[in-house]
Amino acid sequence: MIAAISAHRRDPMRALAWLCVVVGLVIGSISVSYATYETTMHEEVWIQRKLRSQNAARLRRVIRDIDLGVRPAGVIVSPWPGVIAGSGVTSFGILLLAIRRPGKERA
Protein backbone atom coordinates (compact mmCIF):
# COMPACT_ATOMS: atom_id res chain seq x y z
CA MET A 1 0.00 0.00 0.00
CA ILE A 2 2.72 2.51 1.01
CA ALA A 3 4.80 1.54 -2.01
CA ALA A 4 1.84 2.22 -4.29
CA ILE A 5 1.25 5.64 -2.72
CA SER A 6 4.91 6.64 -2.95
CA ALA A 7 5.06 5.47 -6.57
CA HIS A 8 2.26 7.85 -7.53
CA ARG A 9 3.60 10.81 -5.57
CA ARG A 10 5.18 13.58 -7.64
CA ASP A 11 8.91 13.57 -8.03
CA PRO A 12 10.33 16.29 -5.70
CA MET A 13 13.03 17.25 -8.23
CA ARG A 14 10.38 17.82 -10.88
CA ALA A 15 8.40 20.02 -8.48
CA LEU A 16 11.59 21.98 -7.69
CA ALA A 17 12.26 22.40 -11.40
CA TRP A 18 8.79 23.82 -12.06
CA LEU A 19 9.12 26.06 -9.02
CA CYS A 20 12.39 27.43 -10.43
CA VAL A 21 10.76 28.10 -13.80
CA VAL A 22 7.87 30.00 -12.24
CA VAL A 23 10.03 31.92 -9.74
CA GLY A 24 12.45 32.92 -12.51
CA LEU A 25 9.62 34.32 -14.61
CA VAL A 26 8.25 36.21 -11.60
CA ILE A 27 11.69 37.67 -10.78
CA GLY A 28 12.11 38.89 -14.35
CA SER A 29 8.70 40.50 -14.59
CA ILE A 30 8.93 42.13 -11.16
CA SER A 31 12.34 43.59 -11.96
CA VAL A 32 10.96 45.27 -15.10
CA SER A 33 8.03 46.67 -13.16
CA TYR A 34 10.26 47.86 -10.32
CA ALA A 35 12.74 49.52 -12.71
CA THR A 36 9.91 51.39 -14.44
CA TYR A 37 8.52 52.59 -11.12
CA GLU A 38 11.91 53.67 -9.75
CA THR A 39 12.80 55.47 -12.99
CA THR A 40 9.56 57.45 -12.73
CA MET A 41 10.29 58.33 -9.09
CA HIS A 42 13.88 59.40 -9.84
CA GLU A 43 12.66 61.45 -12.77
CA GLU A 44 10.16 63.24 -10.54
CA VAL A 45 12.88 64.06 -8.00
CA TRP A 46 15.14 65.30 -10.81
CA ILE A 47 12.42 67.63 -12.12
CA GLN A 48 11.57 68.91 -8.62
CA ARG A 49 15.23 69.64 -7.94
CA LYS A 50 15.50 71.67 -11.15
CA LEU A 51 12.28 73.56 -10.34
CA ARG A 52 13.61 74.50 -6.89
CA SER A 53 16.74 76.01 -8.43
CA GLN A 54 14.62 78.82 -9.94
CA ASN A 55 17.24 79.35 -12.61
CA ALA A 56 15.56 80.27 -15.93
CA ALA A 57 18.26 78.68 -18.08
CA ARG A 58 18.06 75.39 -16.16
CA LEU A 59 14.26 75.37 -16.36
CA ARG A 60 14.33 75.93 -20.12
CA ARG A 61 16.88 73.11 -20.47
CA VAL A 62 14.70 70.76 -18.40
CA ILE A 63 11.62 71.58 -20.48
CA ARG A 64 13.59 70.99 -23.68
CA ASP A 65 14.97 67.70 -22.34
CA ILE A 66 11.50 66.51 -21.32
CA ASP A 67 10.13 67.38 -24.77
CA LEU A 68 12.98 65.47 -26.43
CA GLY A 69 12.63 62.52 -24.03
CA VAL A 70 16.20 62.96 -22.78
CA ARG A 71 16.97 62.02 -19.17
CA PRO A 72 20.20 62.03 -17.17
CA ALA A 73 21.82 58.61 -16.79
CA GLY A 74 21.41 58.72 -13.00
CA VAL A 75 17.64 58.86 -13.35
CA ILE A 76 17.25 55.63 -15.31
CA VAL A 77 17.09 52.36 -13.35
CA SER A 78 18.08 49.30 -15.38
CA PRO A 79 15.88 46.20 -15.24
CA TRP A 80 18.62 43.97 -16.67
CA PRO A 81 20.13 42.62 -13.41
CA GLY A 82 16.75 41.21 -12.38
CA VAL A 83 15.96 39.96 -15.88
CA ILE A 84 19.30 38.13 -16.05
CA ALA A 85 18.81 36.64 -12.56
CA GLY A 86 15.28 35.53 -13.45
CA SER A 87 16.40 33.95 -16.71
CA GLY A 88 19.17 32.13 -14.83
CA VAL A 89 16.71 30.65 -12.34
CA THR A 90 14.32 29.72 -15.15
CA SER A 91 17.15 28.13 -17.12
CA PHE A 92 18.15 26.08 -14.10
CA GLY A 93 14.56 24.84 -13.78
CA ILE A 94 14.44 23.94 -17.47
CA LEU A 95 17.74 22.11 -17.10
CA LEU A 96 16.34 20.10 -14.19
CA LEU A 97 13.28 19.24 -16.27
CA ALA A 98 15.46 18.13 -19.18
CA ILE A 99 17.50 15.69 -17.10
CA ARG A 100 16.11 12.23 -17.68
CA ARG A 101 15.80 9.84 -14.79
CA PRO A 102 17.24 6.40 -15.32
CA GLY A 103 14.53 3.86 -16.12
CA LYS A 104 13.27 1.87 -13.17
CA GLU A 105 13.01 -1.86 -13.44
CA ARG A 106 9.56 -3.22 -12.75
CA ALA A 107 9.39 -6.36 -10.67
PDB file of N, CA and C in Angstrom:
ATOM      1  N   MET A   1       0.827  -1.185   0.000  1.00  0.00           N
ATOM      2  CA  MET A   1       0.000   0.000   0.000  1.00  0.00           C
ATOM      3  C   MET A   1       0.875   1.254   0.000  1.00  0.00           C
ATOM      4  N   ILE A   2       1.836   1.341   0.931  1.00  0.00           N
ATOM      5  CA  ILE A   2       2.720   2.508   1.013  1.00  0.00           C
ATOM      6  C   ILE A   2       3.566   2.637  -0.247  1.00  0.00           C
ATOM      7  N   ALA A   3       4.008   1.508  -0.786  1.00  0.00           N
ATOM      8  CA  ALA A   3       4.804   1.539  -2.013  1.00  0.00           C
ATOM      9  C   ALA A   3       3.980   2.088  -3.172  1.00  0.00           C
ATOM     10  N   ALA A   4       2.713   1.741  -3.215  1.00  0.00           N
ATOM     11  CA  ALA A   4       1.841   2.224  -4.293  1.00  0.00           C
ATOM     12  C   ALA A   4       1.609   3.725  -4.171  1.00  0.00           C
ATOM     13  N   ILE A   5       1.452   4.211  -2.926  1.00  0.00           N
ATOM     14  CA  ILE A   5       1.252   5.638  -2.716  1.00  0.00           C
ATOM     15  C   ILE A   5       2.502   6.423  -3.082  1.00  0.00           C
ATOM     16  N   SER A   6       3.669   5.922  -2.660  1.00  0.00           N
ATOM     17  CA  SER A   6       4.912   6.641  -2.951  1.00  0.00           C
ATOM     18  C   SER A   6       5.247   6.597  -4.435  1.00  0.00           C
ATOM     19  N   ALA A   7       4.802   5.559  -5.141  1.00  0.00           N
ATOM     20  CA  ALA A   7       5.062   5.472  -6.574  1.00  0.00           C
ATOM     21  C   ALA A   7       4.265   6.508  -7.341  1.00  0.00           C
ATOM     22  N   HIS A   8       3.102   6.878  -6.831  1.00  0.00           N
ATOM     23  CA  HIS A   8       2.261   7.852  -7.532  1.00  0.00           C
ATOM     24  C   HIS A   8       2.532   9.290  -7.100  1.00  0.00           C
ATOM     25  N   ARG A   9       3.293   9.459  -6.040  1.00  0.00           N
ATOM     26  CA  ARG A   9       3.595  10.813  -5.571  1.00  0.00           C
ATOM     27  C   ARG A   9       4.507  11.513  -6.578  1.00  0.00           C
ATOM     28  N   ARG A  10       4.358  12.810  -6.691  1.00  0.00           N
ATOM     29  CA  ARG A  10       5.176  13.576  -7.641  1.00  0.00           C
ATOM     30  C   ARG A  10       6.638  13.524  -7.254  1.00  0.00           C
ATOM     31  N   ASP A  11       7.470  13.558  -8.235  1.00  0.00           N
ATOM     32  CA  ASP A  11       8.908  13.575  -8.026  1.00  0.00           C
ATOM     33  C   ASP A  11       9.302  14.932  -7.448  1.00  0.00           C
ATOM     34  N   PRO A  12       9.988  14.990  -6.300  1.00  0.00           N
ATOM     35  CA  PRO A  12      10.332  16.287  -5.703  1.00  0.00           C
ATOM     36  C   PRO A  12      11.283  17.127  -6.573  1.00  0.00           C
ATOM     37  N   MET A  13      12.139  16.489  -7.347  1.00  0.00           N
ATOM     38  CA  MET A  13      13.029  17.254  -8.234  1.00  0.00           C
ATOM     39  C   MET A  13      12.242  17.916  -9.363  1.00  0.00           C
ATOM     40  N   ARG A  14      11.224  17.236  -9.828  1.00  0.00           N
ATOM     41  CA  ARG A  14      10.383  17.821 -10.881  1.00  0.00           C
ATOM     42  C   ARG A  14       9.601  19.016 -10.334  1.00  0.00           C
ATOM     43  N   ALA A  15       9.117  18.902  -9.112  1.00  0.00           N
ATOM     44  CA  ALA A  15       8.404  20.019  -8.483  1.00  0.00           C
ATOM     45  C   ALA A  15       9.352  21.198  -8.273  1.00  0.00           C
ATOM     46  N   LEU A  16      10.586  20.920  -7.847  1.00  0.00           N
ATOM     47  CA  LEU A  16      11.586  21.982  -7.688  1.00  0.00           C
ATOM     48  C   LEU A  16      11.887  22.650  -9.024  1.00  0.00           C
ATOM     49  N   ALA A  17      11.980  21.844 -10.074  1.00  0.00           N
ATOM     50  CA  ALA A  17      12.262  22.400 -11.401  1.00  0.00           C
ATOM     51  C   ALA A  17      11.150  23.353 -11.847  1.00  0.00           C
ATOM     52  N   TRP A  18       9.896  22.947 -11.675  1.00  0.00           N
ATOM     53  CA  TRP A  18       8.787  23.819 -12.062  1.00  0.00           C
ATOM     54  C   TRP A  18       8.731  25.070 -11.179  1.00  0.00           C
ATOM     55  N   LEU A  19       9.065  24.908  -9.916  1.00  0.00           N
ATOM     56  CA  LEU A  19       9.119  26.060  -9.023  1.00  0.00           C
ATOM     57  C   LEU A  19      10.179  27.057  -9.500  1.00  0.00           C
ATOM     58  N   CYS A  20      11.338  26.548  -9.910  1.00  0.00           N
ATOM     59  CA  CYS A  20      12.393  27.427 -10.429  1.00  0.00           C
ATOM     60  C   CYS A  20      11.944  28.159 -11.689  1.00  0.00           C
ATOM     61  N   VAL A  21      11.250  27.460 -12.566  1.00  0.00           N
ATOM     62  CA  VAL A  21      10.762  28.096 -13.796  1.00  0.00           C
ATOM     63  C   VAL A  21       9.811  29.237 -13.464  1.00  0.00           C
ATOM     64  N   VAL A  22       8.858  28.980 -12.586  1.00  0.00           N
ATOM     65  CA  VAL A  22       7.871  29.998 -12.236  1.00  0.00           C
ATOM     66  C   VAL A  22       8.515  31.161 -11.483  1.00  0.00           C
ATOM     67  N   VAL A  23       9.372  30.862 -10.522  1.00  0.00           N
ATOM     68  CA  VAL A  23      10.031  31.917  -9.739  1.00  0.00           C
ATOM     69  C   VAL A  23      10.921  32.771 -10.639  1.00  0.00           C
ATOM     70  N   GLY A  24      11.612  32.165 -11.579  1.00  0.00           N
ATOM     71  CA  GLY A  24      12.451  32.925 -12.510  1.00  0.00           C
ATOM     72  C   GLY A  24      11.639  33.895 -13.355  1.00  0.00           C
ATOM     73  N   LEU A  25      10.483  33.436 -13.835  1.00  0.00           N
ATOM     74  CA  LEU A  25       9.618  34.324 -14.615  1.00  0.00           C
ATOM     75  C   LEU A  25       9.086  35.467 -13.753  1.00  0.00           C
ATOM     76  N   VAL A  26       8.757  35.172 -12.511  1.00  0.00           N
ATOM     77  CA  VAL A  26       8.254  36.212 -11.600  1.00  0.00           C
ATOM     78  C   VAL A  26       9.351  37.230 -11.301  1.00  0.00           C
ATOM     79  N   ILE A  27      10.566  36.763 -11.051  1.00  0.00           N
ATOM     80  CA  ILE A  27      11.686  37.674 -10.776  1.00  0.00           C
ATOM     81  C   ILE A  27      11.910  38.609 -11.962  1.00  0.00           C
ATOM     82  N   GLY A  28      11.907  38.065 -13.166  1.00  0.00           N
ATOM     83  CA  GLY A  28      12.113  38.889 -14.355  1.00  0.00           C
ATOM     84  C   GLY A  28      11.037  39.936 -14.549  1.00  0.00           C
ATOM     85  N   SER A  29       9.788  39.541 -14.381  1.00  0.00           N
ATOM     86  CA  SER A  29       8.701  40.500 -14.595  1.00  0.00           C
ATOM     87  C   SER A  29       8.643  41.549 -13.488  1.00  0.00           C
ATOM     88  N   ILE A  30       8.923  41.156 -12.256  1.00  0.00           N
ATOM     89  CA  ILE A  30       8.927  42.128 -11.158  1.00  0.00           C
ATOM     90  C   ILE A  30      10.071  43.124 -11.324  1.00  0.00           C
ATOM     91  N   SER A  31      11.218  42.668 -11.798  1.00  0.00           N
ATOM     92  CA  SER A  31      12.344  43.595 -11.961  1.00  0.00           C
ATOM     93  C   SER A  31      12.044  44.652 -13.017  1.00  0.00           C
ATOM     94  N   VAL A  32      11.338  44.281 -14.078  1.00  0.00           N
ATOM     95  CA  VAL A  32      10.964  45.267 -15.103  1.00  0.00           C
ATOM     96  C   VAL A  32       9.982  46.278 -14.517  1.00  0.00           C
ATOM     97  N   SER A  33       9.005  45.779 -13.779  1.00  0.00           N
ATOM     98  CA  SER A  33       8.028  46.668 -13.157  1.00  0.00           C
ATOM     99  C   SER A  33       8.687  47.606 -12.149  1.00  0.00           C
ATOM    100  N   TYR A  34       9.565  47.069 -11.328  1.00  0.00           N
ATOM    101  CA  TYR A  34      10.264  47.864 -10.320  1.00  0.00           C
ATOM    102  C   TYR A  34      11.153  48.929 -10.971  1.00  0.00           C
ATOM    103  N   ALA A  35      11.865  48.555 -12.031  1.00  0.00           N
ATOM    104  CA  ALA A  35      12.739  49.522 -12.711  1.00  0.00           C
ATOM    105  C   ALA A  35      11.921  50.657 -13.324  1.00  0.00           C
ATOM    106  N   THR A  36      10.770  50.349 -13.878  1.00  0.00           N
ATOM    107  CA  THR A  36       9.908  51.389 -14.442  1.00  0.00           C
ATOM    108  C   THR A  36       9.427  52.337 -13.355  1.00  0.00           C
ATOM    109  N   TYR A  37       8.999  51.772 -12.235  1.00  0.00           N
ATOM    110  CA  TYR A  37       8.516  52.589 -11.125  1.00  0.00           C
ATOM    111  C   TYR A  37       9.631  53.473 -10.564  1.00  0.00           C
ATOM    112  N   GLU A  38      10.795  52.903 -10.315  1.00  0.00           N
ATOM    113  CA  GLU A  38      11.908  53.670  -9.753  1.00  0.00           C
ATOM    114  C   GLU A  38      12.405  54.747 -10.714  1.00  0.00           C
ATOM    115  N   THR A  39      12.407  54.457 -12.006  1.00  0.00           N
ATOM    116  CA  THR A  39      12.804  55.468 -12.985  1.00  0.00           C
ATOM    117  C   THR A  39      11.850  56.653 -12.930  1.00  0.00           C
ATOM    118  N   THR A  40      10.554  56.379 -12.823  1.00  0.00           N
ATOM    119  CA  THR A  40       9.562  57.448 -12.727  1.00  0.00           C
ATOM    120  C   THR A  40       9.781  58.282 -11.464  1.00  0.00           C
ATOM    121  N   MET A  41      10.064  57.613 -10.352  1.00  0.00           N
ATOM    122  CA  MET A  41      10.287  58.330  -9.090  1.00  0.00           C
ATOM    123  C   MET A  41      11.564  59.184  -9.152  1.00  0.00           C
ATOM    124  N   HIS A  42      12.631  58.633  -9.712  1.00  0.00           N
ATOM    125  CA  HIS A  42      13.881  59.395  -9.837  1.00  0.00           C
ATOM    126  C   HIS A  42      13.701  60.585 -10.781  1.00  0.00           C
ATOM    127  N   GLU A  43      12.933  60.366 -11.834  1.00  0.00           N
ATOM    128  CA  GLU A  43      12.663  61.452 -12.773  1.00  0.00           C
ATOM    129  C   GLU A  43      11.897  62.584 -12.092  1.00  0.00           C
ATOM    130  N   GLU A  44      10.940  62.226 -11.265  1.00  0.00           N
ATOM    131  CA  GLU A  44      10.165  63.237 -10.540  1.00  0.00           C
ATOM    132  C   GLU A  44      11.062  64.041  -9.596  1.00  0.00           C
ATOM    133  N   VAL A  45      11.953  63.368  -8.895  1.00  0.00           N
ATOM    134  CA  VAL A  45      12.882  64.059  -7.995  1.00  0.00           C
ATOM    135  C   VAL A  45      13.803  64.976  -8.793  1.00  0.00           C
ATOM    136  N   TRP A  46      14.260  64.508  -9.949  1.00  0.00           N
ATOM    137  CA  TRP A  46      15.135  65.303 -10.807  1.00  0.00           C
ATOM    138  C   TRP A  46      14.433  66.589 -11.254  1.00  0.00           C
ATOM    139  N   ILE A  47      13.169  66.461 -11.677  1.00  0.00           N
ATOM    140  CA  ILE A  47      12.415  67.633 -12.120  1.00  0.00           C
ATOM    141  C   ILE A  47      12.172  68.594 -10.957  1.00  0.00           C
ATOM    142  N   GLN A  48      11.809  68.056  -9.791  1.00  0.00           N
ATOM    143  CA  GLN A  48      11.568  68.908  -8.619  1.00  0.00           C
ATOM    144  C   GLN A  48      12.837  69.655  -8.204  1.00  0.00           C
ATOM    145  N   ARG A  49      13.969  68.990  -8.286  1.00  0.00           N
ATOM    146  CA  ARG A  49      15.233  69.637  -7.935  1.00  0.00           C
ATOM    147  C   ARG A  49      15.527  70.799  -8.887  1.00  0.00           C
ATOM    148  N   LYS A  50      15.271  70.603 -10.166  1.00  0.00           N
ATOM    149  CA  LYS A  50      15.500  71.668 -11.145  1.00  0.00           C
ATOM    150  C   LYS A  50      14.510  72.819 -10.944  1.00  0.00           C
ATOM    151  N   LEU A  51      13.272  72.501 -10.576  1.00  0.00           N
ATOM    152  CA  LEU A  51      12.281  73.563 -10.338  1.00  0.00           C
ATOM    153  C   LEU A  51      12.654  74.400  -9.120  1.00  0.00           C
ATOM    154  N   ARG A  52      13.211  73.765  -8.093  1.00  0.00           N
ATOM    155  CA  ARG A  52      13.605  74.502  -6.892  1.00  0.00           C
ATOM    156  C   ARG A  52      14.793  75.432  -7.130  1.00  0.00           C
ATOM    157  N   SER A  53      15.564  75.163  -8.166  1.00  0.00           N
ATOM    158  CA  SER A  53      16.736  76.005  -8.430  1.00  0.00           C
ATOM    159  C   SER A  53      16.329  77.418  -8.866  1.00  0.00           C
ATOM    160  N   GLN A  54      15.165  77.554  -9.471  1.00  0.00           N
ATOM    161  CA  GLN A  54      14.623  78.822  -9.941  1.00  0.00           C
ATOM    162  C   GLN A  54      15.576  79.561 -10.884  1.00  0.00           C
ATOM    163  N   ASN A  55      16.350  78.801 -11.613  1.00  0.00           N
ATOM    164  CA  ASN A  55      17.243  79.352 -12.614  1.00  0.00           C
ATOM    165  C   ASN A  55      16.554  79.187 -13.975  1.00  0.00           C
ATOM    166  N   ALA A  56      16.327  80.288 -14.670  1.00  0.00           N
ATOM    167  CA  ALA A  56      15.556  80.271 -15.925  1.00  0.00           C
ATOM    168  C   ALA A  56      16.231  79.397 -16.981  1.00  0.00           C
ATOM    169  N   ALA A  57      17.552  79.480 -17.071  1.00  0.00           N
ATOM    170  CA  ALA A  57      18.256  78.676 -18.085  1.00  0.00           C
ATOM    171  C   ALA A  57      18.107  77.184 -17.793  1.00  0.00           C
ATOM    172  N   ARG A  58      18.219  76.799 -16.531  1.00  0.00           N
ATOM    173  CA  ARG A  58      18.055  75.390 -16.163  1.00  0.00           C
ATOM    174  C   ARG A  58      16.630  74.907 -16.444  1.00  0.00           C
ATOM    175  N   LEU A  59      15.647  75.755 -16.127  1.00  0.00           N
ATOM    176  CA  LEU A  59      14.255  75.371 -16.355  1.00  0.00           C
ATOM    177  C   LEU A  59      13.964  75.192 -17.847  1.00  0.00           C
ATOM    178  N   ARG A  60      14.506  76.079 -18.680  1.00  0.00           N
ATOM    179  CA  ARG A  60      14.330  75.935 -20.125  1.00  0.00           C
ATOM    180  C   ARG A  60      14.977  74.646 -20.622  1.00  0.00           C
ATOM    181  N   ARG A  61      16.172  74.333 -20.088  1.00  0.00           N
ATOM    182  CA  ARG A  61      16.880  73.115 -20.472  1.00  0.00           C
ATOM    183  C   ARG A  61      16.088  71.865 -20.057  1.00  0.00           C
ATOM    184  N   VAL A  62      15.493  71.900 -18.863  1.00  0.00           N
ATOM    185  CA  VAL A  62      14.699  70.755 -18.399  1.00  0.00           C
ATOM    186  C   VAL A  62      13.477  70.575 -19.279  1.00  0.00           C
ATOM    187  N   ILE A  63      12.803  71.674 -19.622  1.00  0.00           N
ATOM    188  CA  ILE A  63      11.625  71.584 -20.478  1.00  0.00           C
ATOM    189  C   ILE A  63      12.002  71.030 -21.851  1.00  0.00           C
ATOM    190  N   ARG A  64      13.126  71.499 -22.378  1.00  0.00           N
ATOM    191  CA  ARG A  64      13.593  70.993 -23.677  1.00  0.00           C
ATOM    192  C   ARG A  64      13.941  69.511 -23.589  1.00  0.00           C
ATOM    193  N   ASP A  65      14.609  69.101 -22.510  1.00  0.00           N
ATOM    194  CA  ASP A  65      14.968  67.697 -22.336  1.00  0.00           C
ATOM    195  C   ASP A  65      13.738  66.818 -22.200  1.00  0.00           C
ATOM    196  N   ILE A  66      12.734  67.286 -21.471  1.00  0.00           N
ATOM    197  CA  ILE A  66      11.501  66.511 -21.317  1.00  0.00           C
ATOM    198  C   ILE A  66      10.798  66.370 -22.659  1.00  0.00           C
ATOM    199  N   ASP A  67      10.760  67.449 -23.448  1.00  0.00           N
ATOM    200  CA  ASP A  67      10.135  67.383 -24.765  1.00  0.00           C
ATOM    201  C   ASP A  67      10.856  66.409 -25.694  1.00  0.00           C
ATOM    202  N   LEU A  68      12.190  66.372 -25.582  1.00  0.00           N
ATOM    203  CA  LEU A  68      12.978  65.470 -26.428  1.00  0.00           C
ATOM    204  C   LEU A  68      13.016  64.043 -25.880  1.00  0.00           C
ATOM    205  N   GLY A  69      12.580  63.840 -24.650  1.00  0.00           N
ATOM    206  CA  GLY A  69      12.633  62.516 -24.031  1.00  0.00           C
ATOM    207  C   GLY A  69      14.007  62.156 -23.518  1.00  0.00           C
ATOM    208  N   VAL A  70      14.837  63.174 -23.259  1.00  0.00           N
ATOM    209  CA  VAL A  70      16.202  62.957 -22.777  1.00  0.00           C
ATOM    210  C   VAL A  70      16.196  63.021 -21.260  1.00  0.00           C
ATOM    211  N   ARG A  71      16.856  62.060 -20.633  1.00  0.00           N
ATOM    212  CA  ARG A  71      16.966  62.017 -19.173  1.00  0.00           C
ATOM    213  C   ARG A  71      18.419  61.818 -18.788  1.00  0.00           C
ATOM    214  N   PRO A  72      18.837  62.319 -17.627  1.00  0.00           N
ATOM    215  CA  PRO A  72      20.198  62.034 -17.166  1.00  0.00           C
ATOM    216  C   PRO A  72      20.356  60.544 -16.862  1.00  0.00           C
ATOM    217  N   ALA A  73      21.569  60.044 -16.996  1.00  0.00           N
ATOM    218  CA  ALA A  73      21.816  58.613 -16.788  1.00  0.00           C
ATOM    219  C   ALA A  73      21.498  58.187 -15.358  1.00  0.00           C
ATOM    220  N   GLY A  74      21.668  59.069 -14.388  1.00  0.00           N
ATOM    221  CA  GLY A  74      21.410  58.723 -13.000  1.00  0.00           C
ATOM    222  C   GLY A  74      19.937  58.543 -12.672  1.00  0.00           C
ATOM    223  N   VAL A  75      19.075  58.959 -13.575  1.00  0.00           N
ATOM    224  CA  VAL A  75      17.637  58.863 -13.347  1.00  0.00           C
ATOM    225  C   VAL A  75      17.116  57.485 -13.752  1.00  0.00           C
ATOM    226  N   ILE A  76      17.745  56.877 -14.730  1.00  0.00           N
ATOM    227  CA  ILE A  76      17.249  55.633 -15.313  1.00  0.00           C
ATOM    228  C   ILE A  76      17.725  54.429 -14.487  1.00  0.00           C
ATOM    229  N   VAL A  77      16.783  53.584 -14.081  1.00  0.00           N
ATOM    230  CA  VAL A  77      17.088  52.355 -13.350  1.00  0.00           C
ATOM    231  C   VAL A  77      16.987  51.192 -14.333  1.00  0.00           C
ATOM    232  N   SER A  78      18.041  50.409 -14.425  1.00  0.00           N
ATOM    233  CA  SER A  78      18.082  49.303 -15.385  1.00  0.00           C
ATOM    234  C   SER A  78      17.379  48.063 -14.846  1.00  0.00           C
ATOM    235  N   PRO A  79      16.533  47.445 -15.670  1.00  0.00           N
ATOM    236  CA  PRO A  79      15.882  46.200 -15.242  1.00  0.00           C
ATOM    237  C   PRO A  79      16.737  44.962 -15.505  1.00  0.00           C
ATOM    238  N   TRP A  80      17.860  45.126 -16.213  1.00  0.00           N
ATOM    239  CA  TRP A  80      18.621  43.969 -16.672  1.00  0.00           C
ATOM    240  C   TRP A  80      19.182  43.064 -15.578  1.00  0.00           C
ATOM    241  N   PRO A  81      19.654  43.569 -14.432  1.00  0.00           N
ATOM    242  CA  PRO A  81      20.131  42.618 -13.409  1.00  0.00           C
ATOM    243  C   PRO A  81      19.048  41.627 -12.976  1.00  0.00           C
ATOM    244  N   GLY A  82      17.837  42.099 -12.776  1.00  0.00           N
ATOM    245  CA  GLY A  82      16.752  41.212 -12.382  1.00  0.00           C
ATOM    246  C   GLY A  82      16.313  40.284 -13.503  1.00  0.00           C
ATOM    247  N   VAL A  83      16.335  40.792 -14.739  1.00  0.00           N
ATOM    248  CA  VAL A  83      15.961  39.960 -15.884  1.00  0.00           C
ATOM    249  C   VAL A  83      16.974  38.836 -16.064  1.00  0.00           C
ATOM    250  N   ILE A  84      18.253  39.152 -15.910  1.00  0.00           N
ATOM    251  CA  ILE A  84      19.299  38.133 -16.054  1.00  0.00           C
ATOM    252  C   ILE A  84      19.201  37.107 -14.920  1.00  0.00           C
ATOM    253  N   ALA A  85      18.967  37.570 -13.686  1.00  0.00           N
ATOM    254  CA  ALA A  85      18.812  36.643 -12.561  1.00  0.00           C
ATOM    255  C   ALA A  85      17.598  35.739 -12.772  1.00  0.00           C
ATOM    256  N   GLY A  86      16.490  36.317 -13.201  1.00  0.00           N
ATOM    257  CA  GLY A  86      15.282  35.530 -13.453  1.00  0.00           C
ATOM    258  C   GLY A  86      15.478  34.513 -14.560  1.00  0.00           C
ATOM    259  N   SER A  87      16.169  34.911 -15.620  1.00  0.00           N
ATOM    260  CA  SER A  87      16.402  33.953 -16.706  1.00  0.00           C
ATOM    261  C   SER A  87      17.359  32.851 -16.265  1.00  0.00           C
ATOM    262  N   GLY A  88      18.277  33.166 -15.363  1.00  0.00           N
ATOM    263  CA  GLY A  88      19.169  32.127 -14.834  1.00  0.00           C
ATOM    264  C   GLY A  88      18.413  31.105 -14.006  1.00  0.00           C
ATOM    265  N   VAL A  89      17.511  31.567 -13.157  1.00  0.00           N
ATOM    266  CA  VAL A  89      16.713  30.655 -12.335  1.00  0.00           C
ATOM    267  C   VAL A  89      15.790  29.824 -13.221  1.00  0.00           C
ATOM    268  N   THR A  90      15.182  30.453 -14.222  1.00  0.00           N
ATOM    269  CA  THR A  90      14.318  29.720 -15.147  1.00  0.00           C
ATOM    270  C   THR A  90      15.116  28.684 -15.935  1.00  0.00           C
ATOM    271  N   SER A  91      16.303  29.064 -16.377  1.00  0.00           N
ATOM    272  CA  SER A  91      17.151  28.128 -17.123  1.00  0.00           C
ATOM    273  C   SER A  91      17.535  26.930 -16.266  1.00  0.00           C
ATOM    274  N   PHE A  92      17.823  27.180 -15.001  1.00  0.00           N
ATOM    275  CA  PHE A  92      18.151  26.079 -14.096  1.00  0.00           C
ATOM    276  C   PHE A  92      16.956  25.135 -13.964  1.00  0.00           C
ATOM    277  N   GLY A  93      15.760  25.673 -13.849  1.00  0.00           N
ATOM    278  CA  GLY A  93      14.561  24.837 -13.777  1.00  0.00           C
ATOM    279  C   GLY A  93      14.355  24.029 -15.041  1.00  0.00           C
ATOM    280  N   ILE A  94      14.582  24.651 -16.195  1.00  0.00           N
ATOM    281  CA  ILE A  94      14.442  23.935 -17.466  1.00  0.00           C
ATOM    282  C   ILE A  94      15.486  22.835 -17.567  1.00  0.00           C
ATOM    283  N   LEU A  95      16.691  23.118 -17.106  1.00  0.00           N
ATOM    284  CA  LEU A  95      17.744  22.107 -17.101  1.00  0.00           C
ATOM    285  C   LEU A  95      17.351  20.919 -16.226  1.00  0.00           C
ATOM    286  N   LEU A  96      16.786  21.190 -15.060  1.00  0.00           N
ATOM    287  CA  LEU A  96      16.336  20.103 -14.194  1.00  0.00           C
ATOM    288  C   LEU A  96      15.219  19.290 -14.852  1.00  0.00           C
ATOM    289  N   LEU A  97      14.344  19.960 -15.579  1.00  0.00           N
ATOM    290  CA  LEU A  97      13.276  19.242 -16.272  1.00  0.00           C
ATOM    291  C   LEU A  97      13.823  18.399 -17.425  1.00  0.00           C
ATOM    292  N   ALA A  98      14.908  18.841 -18.028  1.00  0.00           N
ATOM    293  CA  ALA A  98      15.462  18.134 -19.182  1.00  0.00           C
ATOM    294  C   ALA A  98      16.272  16.901 -18.781  1.00  0.00           C
ATOM    295  N   ILE A  99      16.720  16.849 -17.548  1.00  0.00           N
ATOM    296  CA  ILE A  99      17.500  15.692 -17.098  1.00  0.00           C
ATOM    297  C   ILE A  99      16.572  14.492 -17.001  1.00  0.00           C
ATOM    298  N   ARG A 100      16.942  13.438 -17.676  1.00  0.00           N
ATOM    299  CA  ARG A 100      16.113  12.233 -17.684  1.00  0.00           C
ATOM    300  C   ARG A 100      16.522  11.328 -16.526  1.00  0.00           C
ATOM    301  N   ARG A 101      15.522  10.799 -15.855  1.00  0.00           N
ATOM    302  CA  ARG A 101      15.802   9.839 -14.792  1.00  0.00           C
ATOM    303  C   ARG A 101      16.106   8.491 -15.418  1.00  0.00           C
ATOM    304  N   PRO A 102      17.004   7.741 -14.798  1.00  0.00           N
ATOM    305  CA  PRO A 102      17.240   6.400 -15.318  1.00  0.00           C
ATOM    306  C   PRO A 102      15.973   5.548 -15.172  1.00  0.00           C
ATOM    307  N   GLY A 103      15.736   4.686 -16.137  1.00  0.00           N
ATOM    308  CA  GLY A 103      14.533   3.858 -16.116  1.00  0.00           C
ATOM    309  C   GLY A 103      14.535   2.907 -14.930  1.00  0.00           C
ATOM    310  N   LYS A 104      13.383   2.778 -14.308  1.00  0.00           N
ATOM    311  CA  LYS A 104      13.265   1.873 -13.174  1.00  0.00           C
ATOM    312  C   LYS A 104      12.810   0.504 -13.658  1.00  0.00           C
ATOM    313  N   GLU A 105      13.411  -0.495 -13.089  1.00  0.00           N
ATOM    314  CA  GLU A 105      13.012  -1.861 -13.443  1.00  0.00           C
ATOM    315  C   GLU A 105      11.768  -2.227 -12.681  1.00  0.00           C
ATOM    316  N   ARG A 106      10.810  -2.790 -13.375  1.00  0.00           N
ATOM    317  CA  ARG A 106       9.563  -3.224 -12.747  1.00  0.00           C
ATOM    318  C   ARG A 106       9.707  -4.685 -12.343  1.00  0.00           C
ATOM    319  N   ALA A 107       9.280  -4.973 -11.144  1.00  0.00           N
ATOM    320  CA  ALA A 107       9.394  -6.358 -10.674  1.00  0.00           C
ATOM    321  C   ALA A 107       8.066  -7.065 -10.737  1.00  0.00           C
TER     322      ALA A 107
END
